[in-house]
């Protein structure tokens, strides 16, 4: 029997196919049709390029991105300024992402159990994020999260397959689809959507996660081709799912001025395949995507901070526990304060998109360190990384200027 060898890149794919991707890609398709598919294509290519660098760094040095950044600078003041910036990026980005994860799971539960813990119009506190956060806490504290996570990831995969099949059944406009993929345009008011699409795909903490996890599967630079094969298979699959979600939403909702308030609002996009079961399936999918990411995101942040701040990346270590508990609490508090779920998820993707250039710059710096020897970035790899940095920096700046009414 042939055994499929799955590497750490599938964790990256599972991480970005969460509630943020479902909501953001659906809104992009509903509000702008196929016009922003190029942003997803760019994001997929950028993810492959950056994750390959992170994997190569972790494999060759047998250290995570955080540990390598810690060794790059010998001057104490500059070192701590740089590390402080990285820590802020991790905490802010993961905190926002965690709140989006909890909100995504809450959307699913509110649709499945609408009469339980129902909010009144004047109620500013949402109880569901606290309940889901407590479940995530108990799973992580007890060390049983991996078994549960595998089951939840299966549900997310099934939901993703449903989008792929629905995409085929919806008979999309092929000309408009390829035009959207290959011709970059930013329709009026779409700047934040573009940066959100990038932020939900090229997730900064995944670079730390990949660099740390690759060394657990491969221990020699000679195994780099295997690590690359893992990336070139896993990431495009996730990208195809994101494109399918956007295209399906474009076919189902474009021109209808969609406003998302619950999982039921997204269900019509799956009705060609699932009929009356679509609302339940969408709710289960959002819950699974949300809670599985709510488990992995705090742990990924803790691993990243362990490398940067040089404490033990052990589940029983007090500093490690404090790191993931802090991220979980930030997510719970933000998600419980009565904000609209879709708005929180939306903000999380934008925050990650804006923080991406910071992490991208530090990764490029590390990829040119002498410790990598012959595995340092080539001119082409540096040019590719610099292009991604410039594009994400420009889009982030445009989004901020748009948000402050300067455009």
Protein backbone atom coordinates (compact mmCIF):
# COMPACT_ATOMS: atom_id res chain seq x y z
CA UNK A 1 0.00 0.00 0.00
CA UNK A 2 1.37 3.38 -1.00
CA UNK A 3 1.84 5.69 1.98
CA UNK A 4 1.46 9.40 1.33
CA UNK A 5 4.19 11.39 3.06
CA UNK A 6 2.79 14.68 4.28
CA UNK A 7 5.24 17.37 5.30
CA UNK A 8 4.92 20.63 7.25
CA UNK A 9 3.72 22.58 4.20
CA UNK A 10 0.28 20.99 4.57
CA UNK A 11 0.10 22.70 7.99
CA UNK A 12 0.67 26.02 6.21
CA UNK A 13 -2.17 25.24 3.82
CA UNK A 14 -4.47 24.17 6.66
CA UNK A 15 -3.58 27.38 8.52
CA UNK A 16 -4.59 29.76 5.75
CA UNK A 17 -7.73 27.84 4.74
CA UNK A 18 -9.60 29.10 7.80
CA UNK A 19 -12.65 31.28 8.40
CA UNK A 20 -10.67 34.32 7.24
CA UNK A 21 -10.18 32.80 3.80
CA UNK A 22 -13.82 31.72 3.51
CA UNK A 23 -15.16 35.14 4.54
CA UNK A 24 -12.60 37.29 2.71
CA UNK A 25 -12.65 35.30 -0.53
CA UNK A 26 -16.47 35.20 -0.47
CA UNK A 27 -16.69 38.97 0.01
CA UNK A 28 -14.15 39.53 -2.77
CA UNK A 29 -16.17 37.42 -5.19
CA UNK A 30 -19.53 38.84 -4.11
CA UNK A 31 -18.48 42.49 -4.29
CA UNK A 32 -16.02 42.49 -7.21
CA UNK A 33 -16.76 39.32 -9.18
CA UNK A 34 -13.63 37.78 -10.69
CA UNK A 35 -11.70 41.07 -10.76
CA UNK A 36 -9.48 40.33 -7.73
CA UNK A 37 -8.46 36.78 -8.55
CA UNK A 38 -5.02 38.13 -9.56
CA UNK A 39 -4.45 39.08 -5.91
CA UNK A 40 -4.98 35.45 -4.91
CA UNK A 41 -2.67 34.24 -7.68
CA UNK A 42 0.00 36.68 -6.50
CA UNK A 43 -0.54 35.53 -2.91
CA UNK A 44 -0.13 31.86 -3.83
CA UNK A 45 3.12 32.53 -5.72
CA UNK A 46 4.37 34.75 -2.87
CA UNK A 47 3.53 32.06 -0.32
CA UNK A 48 5.47 29.43 -2.28
CA UNK A 49 8.52 31.72 -2.60
CA UNK A 50 8.57 32.85 1.05
CA UNK A 51 7.74 29.45 2.55
CA UNK A 52 10.52 27.88 0.48
CA UNK A 53 12.94 30.38 2.02
CA UNK A 54 11.66 29.67 5.54
CA UNK A 55 11.88 25.90 4.98
CA UNK A 56 15.39 26.17 3.53
CA UNK A 57 16.51 28.30 6.47
CA UNK A 58 15.11 25.86 9.04
CA UNK A 59 16.46 22.79 7.24
CA UNK A 60 20.01 24.04 6.65
CA UNK A 61 20.53 25.72 10.04
CA UNK A 62 18.29 23.33 12.04
CA UNK A 63 16.96 26.45 13.76
CA UNK A 64 13.75 28.42 13.45
CA UNK A 65 13.45 31.90 11.93
CA UNK A 66 13.38 33.44 15.41
CA UNK A 67 16.65 31.80 16.49
CA UNK A 68 18.36 32.88 13.28
CA UNK A 69 17.18 36.48 13.66
CA UNK A 70 18.52 36.44 17.22
CA UNK A 71 21.99 35.55 15.94
CA UNK A 72 22.08 37.99 13.03
CA UNK A 73 23.04 41.10 15.01
CA UNK A 74 25.71 41.39 17.65
CA UNK A 75 25.07 45.05 18.60
CA UNK A 76 22.69 44.80 21.62
CA UNK A 77 20.63 47.97 21.04
CA UNK A 78 19.93 47.25 17.37
CA UNK A 79 19.27 43.59 18.19
CA UNK A 80 16.62 44.37 20.77
CA UNK A 81 14.98 47.03 18.61
CA UNK A 82 14.70 44.49 15.79
CA UNK A 83 13.49 41.71 18.07
CA UNK A 84 10.98 44.09 19.66
CA UNK A 85 9.56 44.91 16.25
CA UNK A 86 9.28 41.22 15.39
CA UNK A 87 7.60 40.44 18.73
CA UNK A 88 5.08 43.25 18.16
CA UNK A 89 4.35 41.93 14.67
CA UNK A 90 3.81 38.40 16.01
CA UNK A 91 1.62 39.48 18.94
CA UNK A 92 -0.49 41.98 16.98
CA UNK A 93 -0.81 39.77 13.91
CA UNK A 94 -1.59 36.57 15.81
CA UNK A 95 -3.85 38.35 18.29
CA UNK A 96 -5.93 39.75 15.44
CA UNK A 97 -5.84 36.44 13.59
CA UNK A 98 -6.91 34.59 16.75
CA UNK A 99 -9.89 36.87 17.26
CA UNK A 100 -10.89 36.15 13.66
CA UNK A 101 -10.57 32.40 14.26
CA UNK A 102 -12.81 32.57 17.32
CA UNK A 103 -15.31 34.75 15.48
CA UNK A 104 -15.38 32.29 12.58
CA UNK A 105 -16.11 29.38 14.92
CA UNK A 106 -18.73 31.58 16.67
CA UNK A 107 -20.48 32.29 13.37
CA UNK A 108 -20.77 28.55 12.84
CA UNK A 109 -22.15 27.87 16.32
CA UNK A 110 -24.61 30.76 16.15
CA UNK A 111 -26.01 29.29 12.94
CA UNK A 112 -26.14 25.74 14.31
CA UNK A 113 -27.64 26.76 17.68
CA UNK A 114 -29.40 30.10 17.05
CA UNK A 115 -31.51 29.98 20.24
CA UNK A 116 -28.63 29.19 22.61
CA UNK A 117 -26.90 32.23 24.19
CA UNK A 118 -28.88 34.48 21.85
CA UNK A 119 -27.76 38.13 21.98
CA UNK A 120 -30.24 40.96 22.36
CA UNK A 121 -29.94 44.16 20.35
CA UNK A 122 -28.43 45.97 23.33
CA UNK A 123 -26.05 43.20 24.35
CA UNK A 124 -22.45 44.16 23.67
CA UNK A 125 -20.91 40.88 24.87
CA UNK A 126 -20.74 37.71 22.76
CA UNK A 127 -20.43 34.58 24.91
CA UNK A 128 -19.47 32.17 22.11
CA UNK A 129 -15.81 33.27 21.73
CA UNK A 130 -15.28 32.71 25.47
CA UNK A 131 -16.77 29.20 25.28
CA UNK A 132 -14.71 28.29 22.20
CA UNK A 133 -11.61 29.88 23.74
CA UNK A 134 -12.12 27.76 26.88
CA UNK A 135 -12.40 24.61 24.73
CA UNK A 136 -9.17 25.55 22.92
CA UNK A 137 -7.45 26.24 26.26
CA UNK A 138 -8.43 22.87 27.73
CA UNK A 139 -7.33 21.01 24.60
CA UNK A 140 -3.93 22.73 24.56
CA UNK A 141 -3.40 22.53 28.33
CA UNK A 142 -4.22 18.83 28.38
CA UNK A 143 -1.98 18.10 25.40
CA UNK A 144 -4.75 16.33 23.45
CA UNK A 145 -5.22 19.01 20.84
CA UNK A 146 -3.45 17.13 18.02
CA UNK A 147 -6.02 14.33 17.89
CA UNK A 148 -8.92 16.78 17.91
CA UNK A 149 -7.19 19.02 15.38
CA UNK A 150 -6.86 16.18 12.87
CA UNK A 151 -10.60 15.54 13.05
CA UNK A 152 -11.40 19.22 12.61
CA UNK A 153 -8.98 19.59 9.69
CA UNK A 154 -10.83 16.74 7.97
CA UNK A 155 -14.05 18.76 8.25
CA UNK A 156 -12.29 21.80 6.77
CA UNK A 157 -10.98 19.69 3.89
CA UNK A 158 -14.48 18.35 3.21
CA UNK A 159 -15.84 21.91 3.15
CA UNK A 160 -13.05 22.92 0.79
CA UNK A 161 -13.85 20.03 -1.54
CA UNK A 162 -17.49 21.14 -1.49
CA UNK A 163 -16.41 24.57 -2.76
CA UNK A 164 -14.30 22.97 -5.49
CA UNK A 165 -17.17 20.81 -6.74
CA UNK A 166 -19.64 23.69 -6.47
CA UNK A 167 -17.21 25.83 -8.47
CA UNK A 168 -17.33 23.26 -11.28
CA UNK A 169 -21.13 23.00 -11.10
CA UNK A 170 -21.60 26.78 -11.16
CA UNK A 171 -20.22 26.98 -14.72
CA UNK A 172 -18.15 30.16 -14.22
CA UNK A 173 -17.47 32.68 -16.97
CA UNK A 174 -14.12 31.30 -18.13
CA UNK A 175 -13.09 34.47 -19.97
CA UNK A 176 -13.87 36.69 -16.96
CA UNK A 177 -12.14 34.20 -14.65
CA UNK A 178 -8.86 34.18 -16.59
CA UNK A 179 -9.03 37.95 -17.08
CA UNK A 180 -9.33 38.36 -13.33
CA UNK A 181 -6.42 35.99 -12.76
CA UNK A 182 -4.02 37.50 -15.27
CA UNK A 183 -4.90 41.22 -15.49
CA UNK A 184 -4.31 43.12 -12.21
CA UNK A 185 -6.94 45.76 -11.51
CA UNK A 186 -8.09 47.42 -8.29
CA UNK A 187 -11.72 48.54 -8.63
CA UNK A 188 -12.87 51.58 -6.68
CA UNK A 189 -12.94 50.78 -2.97
CA UNK A 190 -11.15 47.42 -3.36
CA UNK A 191 -7.75 48.31 -1.82
CA UNK A 192 -8.55 46.85 1.60
CA UNK A 193 -9.99 43.73 -0.02
CA UNK A 194 -6.74 43.18 -1.95
CA UNK A 195 -4.59 43.46 1.19
CA UNK A 196 -7.05 41.22 3.07
CA UNK A 197 -6.77 38.53 0.37
CA UNK A 198 -2.98 38.68 0.66
CA UNK A 199 -3.14 38.71 4.47
CA UNK A 200 -5.35 35.63 4.61
CA UNK A 201 -3.00 33.64 2.32
CA UNK A 202 0.55 34.83 3.07
CA UNK A 203 0.25 34.56 6.86
CA UNK A 204 3.37 35.96 8.60
CA UNK A 205 3.41 33.50 11.49
CA UNK A 206 3.44 30.60 9.01
CA UNK A 207 7.01 31.58 8.12
CA UNK A 208 8.06 31.00 11.73
CA UNK A 209 5.97 27.83 11.96
CA UNK A 210 7.44 26.34 8.78
CA UNK A 211 11.07 27.11 9.67
CA UNK A 212 10.60 25.49 13.09
CA UNK A 213 8.62 22.43 11.95
CA UNK A 214 10.68 21.49 8.89
CA UNK A 215 13.65 20.46 11.04
CA UNK A 216 11.46 17.94 12.85
CA UNK A 217 10.87 16.01 9.62
CA UNK A 218 14.18 16.51 7.78
CA UNK A 219 17.64 16.88 9.31
CA UNK A 220 19.93 17.36 6.31
CA UNK A 221 20.29 20.00 3.60
CA UNK A 222 20.42 17.12 1.13
CA UNK A 223 16.71 16.62 1.83
CA UNK A 224 15.87 20.09 0.52
CA UNK A 225 14.29 18.69 -2.70
CA UNK A 226 11.78 16.79 -0.54
CA UNK A 227 10.92 19.91 1.42
CA UNK A 228 10.44 21.85 -1.82
CA UNK A 229 8.26 19.11 -3.31
CA UNK A 230 6.11 19.29 -0.18
CA UNK A 231 5.66 23.05 -0.72
CA UNK A 232 4.99 22.84 -4.46
CA UNK A 233 2.19 20.32 -3.87
CA UNK A 234 0.53 21.60 -0.70
CA UNK A 235 0.43 25.39 -1.26
CA UNK A 236 -1.13 25.32 -4.77
CA UNK A 237 -3.89 23.03 -3.46
CA UNK A 238 -4.77 25.65 -0.85
CA UNK A 239 -4.59 28.36 -3.49
CA UNK A 240 -6.95 26.46 -5.78
CA UNK A 241 -9.46 26.20 -2.94
CA UNK A 242 -9.24 29.98 -2.28
CA UNK A 243 -9.78 30.72 -5.98
CA UNK A 244 -12.73 28.30 -6.06
CA UNK A 245 -14.35 30.05 -3.07
CA UNK A 246 -13.97 33.47 -4.73
CA UNK A 247 -15.26 32.26 -8.10
CA UNK A 248 -18.20 30.42 -6.50
CA UNK A 249 -19.18 33.55 -4.56
CA UNK A 250 -18.85 35.61 -7.75
CA UNK A 251 -21.25 33.27 -9.55
CA UNK A 252 -23.73 33.21 -6.65
CA UNK A 253 -23.65 36.76 -5.27
CA UNK A 254 -21.97 39.28 -7.61
CA UNK A 255 -24.15 42.32 -8.16
CA UNK A 256 -26.37 41.61 -5.14
CA UNK A 257 -24.57 43.91 -2.62
CA UNK A 258 -23.98 41.03 -0.19
CA UNK A 259 -23.73 41.76 3.53
CA UNK A 260 -22.52 38.88 5.68
CA UNK A 261 -23.91 38.47 9.19
CA UNK A 262 -23.97 34.68 9.65
CA UNK A 263 -22.95 31.42 8.03
CA UNK A 264 -26.42 31.21 6.50
CA UNK A 265 -25.60 34.25 4.34
CA UNK A 266 -22.84 32.23 2.64
CA UNK A 267 -24.87 29.04 2.27
CA UNK A 268 -26.47 29.89 -1.13
CA UNK A 269 -23.05 29.55 -2.77
CA UNK A 270 -23.07 25.83 -1.87
CA UNK A 271 -26.72 25.11 -2.72
CA UNK A 272 -26.01 23.82 -6.26
CA UNK A 273 -24.18 20.90 -4.64
CA UNK A 274 -25.74 20.50 -1.18
CA UNK A 275 -29.27 21.85 -1.52
CA UNK A 276 -31.05 22.37 1.82
CA UNK A 277 -28.04 20.96 3.69
CA UNK A 278 -25.91 23.93 2.63
CA UNK A 279 -26.54 26.12 5.74
CA UNK A 280 -25.67 23.29 8.15
CA UNK A 281 -22.62 22.28 6.15
CA UNK A 282 -21.34 25.87 5.96
CA UNK A 283 -21.88 26.35 9.70
CA UNK A 284 -19.99 23.14 10.54
CA UNK A 285 -17.20 24.10 8.15
CA UNK A 286 -16.77 27.57 9.67
CA UNK A 287 -16.78 26.10 13.19
CA UNK A 288 -14.17 23.50 12.25
CA UNK A 289 -11.99 26.02 10.41
CA UNK A 290 -12.26 28.49 13.28
CA UNK A 291 -11.56 26.23 16.24
CA UNK A 292 -8.76 24.28 14.52
CA UNK A 293 -7.00 27.57 13.74
CA UNK A 294 -7.80 28.81 17.27
CA UNK A 295 -5.76 25.87 18.56
CA UNK A 296 -2.82 26.16 16.17
CA UNK A 297 -2.40 29.96 16.00
CA UNK A 298 -1.48 30.52 19.70
CA UNK A 299 0.94 27.59 19.59
CA UNK A 300 2.54 28.90 16.39
CA UNK A 301 2.96 32.31 18.05
CA UNK A 302 4.51 30.66 21.11
CA UNK A 303 7.00 28.75 18.95
CA UNK A 304 7.90 31.98 17.12
CA UNK A 305 8.35 33.94 20.37
CA UNK A 306 10.41 31.09 21.88
CA UNK A 307 12.88 31.42 19.03
CA UNK A 308 13.05 35.21 19.20
CA UNK A 309 13.23 35.53 22.99
CA UNK A 310 15.34 32.38 23.54
CA UNK A 311 13.13 30.38 25.91
CA UNK A 312 12.35 26.68 25.66
CA UNK A 313 9.78 25.70 23.01
CA UNK A 314 8.36 23.03 25.29
CA UNK A 315 4.66 22.66 26.07
CA UNK A 316 5.46 22.39 29.78
CA UNK A 317 7.72 25.46 29.89
CA UNK A 318 6.20 28.34 31.89
CA UNK A 319 7.22 31.04 29.39
CA UNK A 320 5.90 28.98 26.50
CA UNK A 321 2.55 28.53 28.26
CA UNK A 322 2.39 32.25 29.06
CA UNK A 323 2.96 33.08 25.37
CA UNK A 324 0.15 30.95 23.95
CA UNK A 325 -2.25 31.82 26.79
CA UNK A 326 -1.64 35.55 26.12
CA UNK A 327 -2.47 35.19 22.42
CA UNK A 328 -5.56 33.15 23.26
CA UNK A 329 -6.75 35.76 25.77
CA UNK A 330 -6.19 38.63 23.32
CA UNK A 331 -8.33 36.76 20.79
CA UNK A 332 -11.08 35.96 23.30
CA UNK A 333 -11.33 39.51 24.66
CA UNK A 334 -11.36 41.12 21.20
CA UNK A 335 -13.87 38.64 19.81
CA UNK A 336 -16.22 38.96 22.81
CA UNK A 337 -16.63 42.74 22.82
CA UNK A 338 -19.67 42.86 20.58
CA UNK A 339 -17.97 43.70 17.30
CA UNK A 340 -19.56 42.33 14.16
CA UNK A 341 -17.93 38.93 13.48
CA UNK A 342 -17.28 39.61 9.81
CA UNK A 343 -15.64 42.95 10.64
CA UNK A 344 -13.26 41.30 13.15
CA UNK A 345 -12.30 38.57 10.67
CA UNK A 346 -11.84 41.23 7.97
CA UNK A 347 -9.59 43.35 10.21
CA UNK A 348 -7.47 40.31 11.10
CA UNK A 349 -6.64 39.67 7.45
CA UNK A 350 -5.83 43.35 6.82
CA UNK A 351 -3.57 43.47 9.92
CA UNK A 352 -1.64 40.43 8.68
CA UNK A 353 -1.34 41.92 5.21
CA UNK A 354 0.07 45.18 6.57
CA UNK A 355 2.52 43.39 8.91
CA UNK A 356 3.72 41.04 6.17
CA UNK A 357 6.40 43.40 4.70
CA UNK A 358 8.07 43.62 8.14
CA UNK A 359 8.47 39.84 8.46
CA UNK A 360 9.33 39.54 4.75
CA UNK A 361 12.22 41.99 5.18
CA UNK A 362 13.67 40.09 8.14
CA UNK A 363 13.34 36.77 6.30
CA UNK A 364 15.26 38.17 3.30
CA UNK A 365 17.94 39.40 5.67
CA UNK A 366 18.30 35.95 7.23
CA UNK A 367 18.36 34.25 3.83
CA UNK A 368 21.54 36.11 2.91
CA UNK A 369 23.43 35.24 6.11
CA UNK A 370 26.78 33.51 5.81
CA UNK A 371 25.60 30.60 7.96
CA UNK A 372 23.60 29.31 4.96
CA UNK A 373 26.74 28.97 2.83
CA UNK A 374 25.86 27.66 -0.64
CA UNK A 375 22.16 27.65 0.30
CA UNK A 376 21.94 31.44 0.55
CA UNK A 377 19.45 33.19 -1.72
CA UNK A 378 20.40 33.46 -5.37
CA UNK A 379 20.02 36.75 -7.24
CA UNK A 380 16.71 35.52 -8.67
CA UNK A 381 15.41 34.52 -5.24
CA UNK A 382 16.42 37.88 -3.78
CA UNK A 383 14.75 39.71 -6.66
CA UNK A 384 11.58 37.66 -6.19
CA UNK A 385 11.56 38.33 -2.45
CA UNK A 386 12.25 42.04 -2.98
CA UNK A 387 9.37 42.24 -5.47
CA UNK A 388 7.00 40.66 -2.94
CA UNK A 389 8.23 43.07 -0.26
CA UNK A 390 7.71 46.12 -2.50
CA UNK A 391 4.25 45.04 -3.67
CA UNK A 392 2.99 44.22 -0.15
CA UNK A 393 4.51 47.43 1.24
CA UNK A 394 2.85 49.51 -1.50
CA UNK A 395 -0.52 47.80 -1.04
CA UNK A 396 -0.29 48.17 2.74
CA UNK A 397 0.52 51.88 2.40
CA UNK A 398 -2.33 52.34 -0.08
CA UNK A 399 -4.74 50.58 2.30
CA UNK A 400 -3.72 52.78 5.24
CA UNK A 401 -4.02 55.94 3.13
CA UNK A 402 -7.43 54.81 1.93
CA UNK A 403 -8.55 54.07 5.49
CA UNK A 404 -7.52 57.59 6.61
CA UNK A 405 -9.22 59.24 3.61
CA UNK A 406 -5.96 60.26 1.91
CA UNK A 407 -6.88 58.60 -1.39
